[in-house]
N, C-alpha and C. Protein backbone atom coordinates (compact mmCIF):
# COMPACT_ATOMS: atom_id res chain seq x y z
N MET A 1 -16.10 7.14 -2.20
CA MET A 1 -17.18 6.91 -2.81
C MET A 1 -17.65 5.51 -2.96
N GLN A 2 -16.44 4.71 -3.48
CA GLN A 2 -16.66 3.11 -3.00
C GLN A 2 -17.12 2.56 -1.95
N PHE A 3 -16.76 2.75 -0.82
CA PHE A 3 -17.28 2.58 0.88
C PHE A 3 -18.78 2.50 0.58
N LYS A 4 -19.12 4.16 0.53
CA LYS A 4 -20.67 3.95 0.20
C LYS A 4 -21.28 3.24 -0.53
N ILE A 5 -20.86 3.06 -1.57
CA ILE A 5 -21.71 2.19 -2.31
C ILE A 5 -21.71 0.32 -1.96
N SER A 6 -20.38 0.03 -1.62
CA SER A 6 -20.25 -0.86 -0.94
C SER A 6 -21.30 -1.69 0.00
N ILE A 7 -21.23 -0.74 1.11
CA ILE A 7 -22.32 -0.70 2.52
C ILE A 7 -23.69 -0.23 2.03
N CYS A 8 -23.76 -0.12 1.07
CA CYS A 8 -25.03 0.00 0.62
C CYS A 8 -25.23 -1.27 0.24
N LYS A 9 -25.01 -1.98 -0.92
CA LYS A 9 -25.00 -2.95 -1.53
C LYS A 9 -25.01 -4.01 -0.61
N ARG A 10 -24.26 -4.03 0.82
CA ARG A 10 -24.13 -5.10 1.58
C ARG A 10 -25.57 -4.48 2.48
N ILE A 11 -26.20 -3.84 2.86
CA ILE A 11 -27.12 -4.21 3.56
C ILE A 11 -28.27 -4.40 3.13
N ASN A 12 -28.21 -4.07 1.43
CA ASN A 12 -29.29 -4.52 0.74
C ASN A 12 -29.40 -5.90 1.15
N GLU A 13 -28.21 -6.28 0.63
CA GLU A 13 -28.18 -7.93 0.83
C GLU A 13 -28.58 -8.67 1.58
N LEU A 14 -28.50 -8.15 2.70
CA LEU A 14 -28.51 -8.77 4.22
C LEU A 14 -30.31 -9.02 4.77
N ARG A 15 -30.57 -7.49 4.18
CA ARG A 15 -31.81 -7.16 4.31
C ARG A 15 -32.63 -7.98 3.69
N GLU A 16 -32.42 -8.05 2.44
CA GLU A 16 -33.34 -9.49 1.45
C GLU A 16 -33.10 -10.66 2.24
N ILE A 17 -31.72 -10.82 2.88
CA ILE A 17 -31.71 -12.52 3.65
C ILE A 17 -32.69 -12.68 4.78
N LYS A 18 -32.60 -11.60 5.43
CA LYS A 18 -33.51 -11.63 6.51
C LYS A 18 -34.90 -11.33 6.37
N GLY A 19 -35.05 -11.27 4.88
CA GLY A 19 -36.50 -11.09 4.98
C GLY A 19 -37.12 -9.16 5.09
N MET A 20 -36.70 -8.64 5.48
CA MET A 20 -37.05 -7.41 5.96
C MET A 20 -37.44 -6.95 4.48
N SER A 21 -38.42 -5.66 5.07
CA SER A 21 -38.32 -4.62 3.96
C SER A 21 -37.38 -3.35 4.22
N TRP A 22 -37.18 -2.16 3.79
CA TRP A 22 -36.46 -1.40 3.79
C TRP A 22 -37.26 -0.29 5.10
N GLU A 23 -38.80 -0.84 4.93
CA GLU A 23 -39.17 0.30 6.36
C GLU A 23 -38.90 -0.72 7.42
N GLN A 24 -39.18 -1.88 7.39
CA GLN A 24 -39.15 -2.71 8.71
C GLN A 24 -37.75 -2.26 9.27
N LEU A 25 -36.73 -2.28 8.62
CA LEU A 25 -35.25 -1.95 8.90
C LEU A 25 -35.19 -0.50 9.39
N VAL A 26 -35.83 0.21 8.70
CA VAL A 26 -35.83 1.80 9.15
C VAL A 26 -36.43 1.86 11.01
N TYR A 27 -37.32 0.94 10.90
CA TYR A 27 -38.06 1.16 11.93
C TYR A 27 -37.40 0.41 13.16
N ALA A 28 -37.10 -1.09 12.58
CA ALA A 28 -35.63 -1.57 14.10
C ALA A 28 -34.44 -0.91 14.18
N ALA A 29 -34.18 -0.07 13.43
CA ALA A 29 -32.67 0.53 13.66
C ALA A 29 -33.24 1.67 14.04
N GLY A 30 -34.37 2.25 14.00
CA GLY A 30 -34.70 3.61 14.92
C GLY A 30 -34.03 4.47 14.48
N TYR A 31 -34.45 4.80 12.75
CA TYR A 31 -33.80 6.12 11.88
C TYR A 31 -35.07 6.40 11.26
N SER A 32 -35.08 7.59 10.94
CA SER A 32 -36.17 8.03 9.78
C SER A 32 -35.74 7.69 8.56
N LYS A 33 -36.66 7.39 7.95
CA LYS A 33 -37.04 6.51 6.28
C LYS A 33 -36.18 7.93 5.54
N GLY A 34 -36.30 8.88 6.03
CA GLY A 34 -35.22 9.99 5.17
C GLY A 34 -33.51 9.17 5.29
N MET A 35 -33.43 9.33 6.28
CA MET A 35 -31.75 8.93 6.44
C MET A 35 -31.30 7.35 5.86
N ILE A 36 -32.42 6.26 6.06
CA ILE A 36 -32.53 5.25 5.24
C ILE A 36 -32.49 5.12 3.85
N THR A 37 -32.95 6.58 3.34
CA THR A 37 -32.89 6.54 1.83
C THR A 37 -31.95 7.06 1.56
N ASP A 38 -31.58 8.13 2.47
CA ASP A 38 -30.07 8.54 1.78
C ASP A 38 -29.16 7.61 1.81
N LEU A 39 -29.16 6.88 2.65
CA LEU A 39 -28.04 5.45 2.63
C LEU A 39 -28.23 4.54 1.86
N LYS A 40 -29.51 4.08 1.71
CA LYS A 40 -29.98 3.27 0.34
C LYS A 40 -29.41 3.60 -1.00
N ASN A 41 -29.40 5.08 -1.16
CA ASN A 41 -29.12 5.79 -2.47
C ASN A 41 -27.69 6.25 -2.75
N ALA A 42 -26.68 5.49 -1.53
CA ALA A 42 -25.49 6.24 -1.45
C ALA A 42 -25.08 7.58 -1.70
N LYS A 43 -26.10 8.42 -0.75
CA LYS A 43 -25.58 9.51 -0.54
C LYS A 43 -24.57 9.67 0.75
N VAL A 44 -25.21 9.32 1.72
CA VAL A 44 -24.16 9.18 3.12
C VAL A 44 -23.13 8.26 3.01
N GLU A 45 -22.49 8.70 3.65
CA GLU A 45 -21.27 7.54 4.47
C GLU A 45 -21.45 7.45 5.53
N PRO A 46 -22.16 5.99 6.22
CA PRO A 46 -22.46 5.75 7.90
C PRO A 46 -21.68 5.87 8.99
N ARG A 47 -22.04 6.68 10.09
CA ARG A 47 -21.05 6.36 10.99
C ARG A 47 -20.68 4.94 11.60
N LEU A 48 -19.82 5.34 12.41
CA LEU A 48 -19.83 3.36 12.84
C LEU A 48 -21.22 3.36 13.77
N SER A 49 -21.39 4.36 14.49
CA SER A 49 -23.00 3.54 15.55
C SER A 49 -23.98 3.82 14.28
N THR A 50 -24.08 4.27 12.83
CA THR A 50 -24.99 4.04 12.14
C THR A 50 -25.18 2.23 11.85
N VAL A 51 -23.61 2.16 11.60
CA VAL A 51 -23.57 0.66 11.06
C VAL A 51 -23.77 -0.23 12.25
N CYS A 52 -23.44 0.18 13.32
CA CYS A 52 -23.34 -0.50 14.60
C CYS A 52 -25.46 -0.79 14.56
N ARG A 53 -26.01 0.50 14.92
CA ARG A 53 -27.76 0.10 14.89
C ARG A 53 -28.19 -0.76 13.71
N ILE A 54 -27.37 -0.55 12.42
CA ILE A 54 -28.35 -1.48 11.59
C ILE A 54 -27.91 -2.80 11.58
N ALA A 55 -26.60 -2.92 11.85
CA ALA A 55 -26.47 -4.44 12.20
C ALA A 55 -27.10 -5.08 13.19
N ALA A 56 -27.70 -4.24 14.49
CA ALA A 56 -28.05 -5.04 15.72
C ALA A 56 -29.86 -4.89 15.19
N ALA A 57 -30.18 -4.15 14.06
CA ALA A 57 -31.37 -4.21 13.41
C ALA A 57 -31.97 -5.75 12.51
N LEU A 58 -30.52 -5.91 12.06
CA LEU A 58 -30.45 -7.11 10.96
C LEU A 58 -30.05 -8.67 11.66
N ASP A 59 -29.75 -8.14 13.40
CA ASP A 59 -29.49 -8.83 14.35
C ASP A 59 -28.14 -9.94 13.91
N MET A 60 -27.38 -8.65 13.84
CA MET A 60 -25.93 -9.55 13.18
C MET A 60 -24.54 -8.75 14.15
N LYS A 61 -23.36 -8.97 14.20
CA LYS A 61 -22.39 -8.51 14.42
C LYS A 61 -22.00 -7.39 13.35
N PRO A 62 -21.48 -5.99 13.78
CA PRO A 62 -21.40 -4.97 12.71
C PRO A 62 -20.27 -5.56 11.72
N SER A 63 -19.71 -6.15 12.54
CA SER A 63 -18.37 -7.01 11.71
C SER A 63 -18.76 -7.79 10.23
N GLU A 64 -20.24 -8.30 10.71
CA GLU A 64 -20.38 -9.38 9.74
C GLU A 64 -21.31 -8.41 8.53
N LEU A 65 -21.38 -7.23 9.20
CA LEU A 65 -22.21 -6.16 8.17
C LEU A 65 -21.10 -5.77 7.14
N LEU A 66 -20.09 -5.32 7.67
CA LEU A 66 -18.75 -4.55 7.20
C LEU A 66 -17.35 -5.89 6.14
N ASP A 67 -18.20 -6.86 6.47
CA ASP A 67 -17.74 -8.18 5.41
C ASP A 67 -17.82 -7.89 4.24
N PHE A 68 -16.81 -7.12 3.27
CA PHE A 68 -17.13 -7.04 2.36
C PHE A 68 -15.85 -6.75 1.06
N ASN A 69 -15.44 -6.94 0.38
CA ASN A 69 -13.81 -6.70 -0.44
C ASN A 69 -14.62 -4.90 -0.92
N ILE A 70 -13.11 -4.21 -0.75
CA ILE A 70 -13.08 -2.72 -1.09
C ILE A 70 -11.67 -2.37 -1.20
N ASP A 71 -11.39 -1.76 -2.17
CA ASP A 71 -10.36 -1.26 -2.43
C ASP A 71 -9.72 -0.06 -1.90
N LEU A 72 -9.01 -0.66 -0.70
CA LEU A 72 -8.09 0.54 0.17
C LEU A 72 -7.62 1.64 -0.09
N SER A 73 -7.34 1.57 -1.46
CA SER A 73 -6.31 2.99 -2.01
C SER A 73 -7.17 4.30 -1.86
N GLU A 74 -8.70 4.06 -1.79
CA GLU A 74 -9.48 5.10 -1.94
C GLU A 74 -9.01 5.97 -0.12
N PHE A 75 -8.69 5.22 0.76
CA PHE A 75 -8.31 6.09 2.25
C PHE A 75 -6.84 5.88 2.10
N GLU A 76 -6.08 6.06 1.16
CA GLU A 76 -4.56 6.12 1.27
C GLU A 76 -4.63 7.61 1.14
N LYS A 77 -3.30 8.21 2.08
CA LYS A 77 -2.73 9.43 2.23
C LYS A 77 -2.06 9.73 0.85
N GLU A 78 -2.48 11.04 0.24
CA GLU A 78 -1.44 11.34 -0.88
C GLU A 78 -0.15 11.50 -0.67
N LYS A 79 1.07 11.04 -1.23
CA LYS A 79 2.35 11.40 -0.89
C LYS A 79 2.43 12.49 -1.98
């Protein structure tokens, strides 16, 4: 859950820095408004291909889009 929230915040932060509206980002990434709305509201966890398309729309590398702190315990296997 934390990943979805963190990626949403990061996309929004970078979108604002680039001076893009959500609608402009949707168009540039080639997605439907509904899909981006779900991502914006942290309803979906983006696939790697989605991260790559959004990064390209923001004119940056996917690694830059994923540059945020996250608690990795969310992804650890239960012992």
